[in-house]
Amino acid sequence: MNVMRAVVAVGLAIAFVAFAAFLVFNADTTNATEWQRWVYVFGTAEAVAFTAVGWLFGREVSRKRADTAESRANTAEQHKDTAIKQGTALAGLVVGGAPAGTRARMESMGAGGQPDGLQAAVDYAKKTYNL
């Protein structure tokens, strides 16, 4: 199918060039009405030929952009999974390093009242998140 598209696009481009050459060789006509009609038809042929060539080359550009976008999406998904694992590990260290008690007790201690058990979580966060 791609070969057929290329053949059609190249064929239309060749036909356009041939038609342009025909107009150049017949530019010495004295009949203004005839020349206006040929120029009108030439504009239509030009639009069709440029559309075919743009379609042929535009598909390749779009395909490359789509592949790049898909690659970036996969990378973002991997980063998301890594961030989830890192966050889960940090949460485990925080909860595991807390004194025997509830989350409310940990929160009531505030930032300045962290027990020594949370030092591992702080060290992990600094290392993992480049703090």
C-alpha atoms as a PDB file:
ATOM      1  CA  MET A   1       0.000   0.000   0.000  1.00  0.00           C
ATOM      2  CA  ASN A   2       2.845   2.429   0.764  1.00  0.00           C
ATOM      3  CA  VAL A   3       4.381   1.697  -2.641  1.00  0.00           C
ATOM      4  CA  MET A   4       1.063   2.527  -4.288  1.00  0.00           C
ATOM      5  CA  ARG A   5       0.873   5.835  -2.419  1.00  0.00           C
ATOM      6  CA  ALA A   6       4.394   6.723  -3.501  1.00  0.00           C
ATOM      7  CA  VAL A   7       3.639   5.807  -7.122  1.00  0.00           C
ATOM      8  CA  VAL A   8       0.485   7.932  -7.150  1.00  0.00           C
ATOM      9  CA  ALA A   9       2.243  10.918  -5.539  1.00  0.00           C
ATOM     10  CA  VAL A  10       5.246  10.719  -7.867  1.00  0.00           C
ATOM     11  CA  GLY A  11       2.940  10.254 -10.879  1.00  0.00           C
ATOM     12  CA  LEU A  12       0.957  13.359  -9.976  1.00  0.00           C
ATOM     13  CA  ALA A  13       4.168  15.347  -9.470  1.00  0.00           C
ATOM     14  CA  ILE A  14       5.466  14.253 -12.879  1.00  0.00           C
ATOM     15  CA  ALA A  15       2.134  15.126 -14.514  1.00  0.00           C
ATOM     16  CA  PHE A  16       2.287  18.553 -12.866  1.00  0.00           C
ATOM     17  CA  VAL A  17       5.813  19.186 -14.161  1.00  0.00           C
ATOM     18  CA  ALA A  18       4.746  18.065 -17.643  1.00  0.00           C
ATOM     19  CA  PHE A  19       1.735  20.374 -17.532  1.00  0.00           C
ATOM     20  CA  ALA A  20       3.929  23.272 -16.380  1.00  0.00           C
ATOM     21  CA  ALA A  21       6.295  22.597 -19.281  1.00  0.00           C
ATOM     22  CA  PHE A  22       3.316  22.544 -21.660  1.00  0.00           C
ATOM     23  CA  LEU A  23       2.230  25.971 -20.398  1.00  0.00           C
ATOM     24  CA  VAL A  24       5.740  27.388 -20.727  1.00  0.00           C
ATOM     25  CA  PHE A  25       6.004  26.224 -24.337  1.00  0.00           C
ATOM     26  CA  ASN A  26       2.536  27.610 -25.146  1.00  0.00           C
ATOM     27  CA  ALA A  27       2.993  30.918 -23.349  1.00  0.00           C
ATOM     28  CA  ASP A  28       3.171  32.857 -26.607  1.00  0.00           C
ATOM     29  CA  THR A  29      -0.533  32.523 -27.339  1.00  0.00           C
ATOM     30  CA  THR A  30      -2.342  35.687 -28.314  1.00  0.00           C
ATOM     31  CA  ASN A  31      -5.707  34.500 -27.078  1.00  0.00           C
ATOM     32  CA  ALA A  32      -6.104  35.920 -23.541  1.00  0.00           C
ATOM     33  CA  THR A  33      -9.223  33.876 -22.772  1.00  0.00           C
ATOM     34  CA  GLU A  34      -7.486  30.629 -23.631  1.00  0.00           C
ATOM     35  CA  TRP A  35      -4.455  31.570 -21.514  1.00  0.00           C
ATOM     36  CA  GLN A  36      -6.679  32.447 -18.525  1.00  0.00           C
ATOM     37  CA  ARG A  37      -8.370  29.060 -18.765  1.00  0.00           C
ATOM     38  CA  TRP A  38      -5.018  27.254 -18.887  1.00  0.00           C
ATOM     39  CA  VAL A  39      -3.772  29.195 -15.857  1.00  0.00           C
ATOM     40  CA  TYR A  40      -6.979  28.361 -13.998  1.00  0.00           C
ATOM     41  CA  VAL A  41      -6.526  24.649 -14.755  1.00  0.00           C
ATOM     42  CA  PHE A  42      -2.839  24.948 -13.796  1.00  0.00           C
ATOM     43  CA  GLY A  43      -3.821  26.272 -10.346  1.00  0.00           C
ATOM     44  CA  THR A  44      -6.017  23.244  -9.789  1.00  0.00           C
ATOM     45  CA  ALA A  45      -3.299  20.858 -10.990  1.00  0.00           C
ATOM     46  CA  GLU A  46      -0.787  22.610  -8.732  1.00  0.00           C
ATOM     47  CA  ALA A  47      -3.026  22.144  -5.693  1.00  0.00           C
ATOM     48  CA  VAL A  48      -3.523  18.443  -6.439  1.00  0.00           C
ATOM     49  CA  ALA A  49       0.200  17.824  -7.056  1.00  0.00           C
ATOM     50  CA  PHE A  50       1.323  19.671  -3.932  1.00  0.00           C
ATOM     51  CA  THR A  51      -1.290  17.872  -1.860  1.00  0.00           C
ATOM     52  CA  ALA A  52      -0.029  14.504  -3.127  1.00  0.00           C
ATOM     53  CA  VAL A  53       3.600  15.329  -2.391  1.00  0.00           C
ATOM     54  CA  GLY A  54       2.684  16.763   1.021  1.00  0.00           C
ATOM     55  CA  TRP A  55       0.659  13.656   1.783  1.00  0.00           C
ATOM     56  CA  LEU A  56       3.605  11.445   0.861  1.00  0.00           C
ATOM     57  CA  PHE A  57       6.195  13.332   2.924  1.00  0.00           C
ATOM     58  CA  GLY A  58       3.813  14.470   5.656  1.00  0.00           C
ATOM     59  CA  ARG A  59       3.038  10.878   6.605  1.00  0.00           C
ATOM     60  CA  GLU A  60       6.703  10.225   7.338  1.00  0.00           C
ATOM     61  CA  VAL A  61       7.049  13.352   9.462  1.00  0.00           C
ATOM     62  CA  SER A  62       3.880  12.499  11.395  1.00  0.00           C
ATOM     63  CA  ARG A  63       5.047   8.925  11.926  1.00  0.00           C
ATOM     64  CA  LYS A  64       8.350  10.133  13.400  1.00  0.00           C
ATOM     65  CA  ARG A  65       6.537  12.559  15.695  1.00  0.00           C
ATOM     66  CA  ALA A  66       4.130   9.831  16.799  1.00  0.00           C
ATOM     67  CA  ASP A  67       7.011   7.451  17.563  1.00  0.00           C
ATOM     68  CA  THR A  68       8.761  10.164  19.568  1.00  0.00           C
ATOM     69  CA  ALA A  69       5.588  10.960  21.494  1.00  0.00           C
ATOM     70  CA  GLU A  70       5.025   7.285  22.257  1.00  0.00           C
ATOM     71  CA  SER A  71       8.604   6.942  23.492  1.00  0.00           C
ATOM     72  CA  ARG A  72       8.200   9.983  25.741  1.00  0.00           C
ATOM     73  CA  ALA A  73       4.945   8.580  27.128  1.00  0.00           C
ATOM     74  CA  ASN A  74       6.623   5.263  27.941  1.00  0.00           C
ATOM     75  CA  THR A  75       9.477   7.068  29.682  1.00  0.00           C
ATOM     76  CA  ALA A  76       7.011   9.156  31.699  1.00  0.00           C
ATOM     77  CA  GLU A  77       5.145   5.994  32.709  1.00  0.00           C
ATOM     78  CA  GLN A  78       8.396   4.416  33.907  1.00  0.00           C
ATOM     79  CA  HIS A  79       9.260   7.564  35.887  1.00  0.00           C
ATOM     80  CA  LYS A  80       5.795   7.492  37.435  1.00  0.00           C
ATOM     81  CA  ASP A  81       6.247   3.880  38.519  1.00  0.00           C
ATOM     82  CA  THR A  82       9.664   4.700  39.988  1.00  0.00           C
ATOM     83  CA  ALA A  83       8.240   7.691  41.869  1.00  0.00           C
ATOM     84  CA  ILE A  84       5.452   5.538  43.303  1.00  0.00           C
ATOM     85  CA  LYS A  85       7.961   2.967  44.546  1.00  0.00           C
ATOM     86  CA  GLN A  86      10.177   5.679  46.055  1.00  0.00           C
ATOM     87  CA  GLY A  87       7.212   7.352  47.741  1.00  0.00           C
ATOM     88  CA  THR A  88       5.985   4.041  49.109  1.00  0.00           C
ATOM     89  CA  ALA A  89       9.435   3.270  50.482  1.00  0.00           C
ATOM     90  CA  LEU A  90       9.653   6.701  52.106  1.00  0.00           C
ATOM     91  CA  ALA A  91       6.189   6.328  53.623  1.00  0.00           C
ATOM     92  CA  GLY A  92       7.183   2.931  54.991  1.00  0.00           C
ATOM     93  CA  LEU A  93      10.279   4.412  56.589  1.00  0.00           C
ATOM     94  CA  VAL A  94       8.289   7.258  58.131  1.00  0.00           C
ATOM     95  CA  VAL A  95       5.575   4.983  59.505  1.00  0.00           C
ATOM     96  CA  GLY A  96       8.085   2.314  60.567  1.00  0.00           C
ATOM     97  CA  GLY A  97      10.308   4.859  62.307  1.00  0.00           C
ATOM     98  CA  ALA A  98       7.480   6.403  64.231  1.00  0.00           C
ATOM     99  CA  PRO A  99       7.063   5.553  67.890  1.00  0.00           C
ATOM    100  CA  ALA A 100       4.357   3.093  68.779  1.00  0.00           C
ATOM    101  CA  GLY A 101       1.283   5.194  68.210  1.00  0.00           C
ATOM    102  CA  THR A 102      -1.065   6.481  65.609  1.00  0.00           C
ATOM    103  CA  ARG A 103      -0.563   8.817  62.708  1.00  0.00           C
ATOM    104  CA  ALA A 104      -2.190  11.584  64.717  1.00  0.00           C
ATOM    105  CA  ARG A 105       0.512  11.268  67.384  1.00  0.00           C
ATOM    106  CA  MET A 106       3.220  11.506  64.673  1.00  0.00           C
ATOM    107  CA  GLU A 107       1.616  14.609  63.186  1.00  0.00           C
ATOM    108  CA  SER A 108       1.254  16.239  66.582  1.00  0.00           C
ATOM    109  CA  MET A 109       5.022  15.961  67.082  1.00  0.00           C
ATOM    110  CA  GLY A 110       5.601  18.422  64.263  1.00  0.00           C
ATOM    111  CA  ALA A 111       8.783  18.820  62.223  1.00  0.00           C
ATOM    112  CA  GLY A 112      10.931  19.743  65.202  1.00  0.00           C
ATOM    113  CA  GLY A 113       9.838  16.760  67.290  1.00  0.00           C
ATOM    114  CA  GLN A 114      10.895  13.928  64.991  1.00  0.00           C
ATOM    115  CA  PRO A 115      12.120  10.920  66.913  1.00  0.00           C
ATOM    116  CA  ASP A 116      15.505   9.413  66.045  1.00  0.00           C
ATOM    117  CA  GLY A 117      13.715   6.581  64.261  1.00  0.00           C
ATOM    118  CA  LEU A 118      12.768   8.971  61.480  1.00  0.00           C
ATOM    119  CA  GLN A 119      16.394   9.849  60.715  1.00  0.00           C
ATOM    120  CA  ALA A 120      16.518   6.898  58.298  1.00  0.00           C
ATOM    121  CA  ALA A 121      13.541   8.365  56.427  1.00  0.00           C
ATOM    122  CA  VAL A 122      15.193  11.768  56.257  1.00  0.00           C
ATOM    123  CA  ASP A 123      18.423  10.241  54.956  1.00  0.00           C
ATOM    124  CA  TYR A 124      16.516   8.185  52.394  1.00  0.00           C
ATOM    125  CA  ALA A 125      14.593  11.247  51.197  1.00  0.00           C
ATOM    126  CA  LYS A 126      17.792  13.278  50.845  1.00  0.00           C
ATOM    127  CA  LYS A 127      19.482  10.524  48.857  1.00  0.00           C
ATOM    128  CA  THR A 128      16.508   9.570  46.695  1.00  0.00           C
ATOM    129  CA  TYR A 129      15.231  13.050  45.897  1.00  0.00           C
ATOM    130  CA  ASN A 130      18.654  14.769  45.762  1.00  0.00           C
ATOM    131  CA  LEU A 131      17.800  17.149  48.580  1.00  0.00           C
END
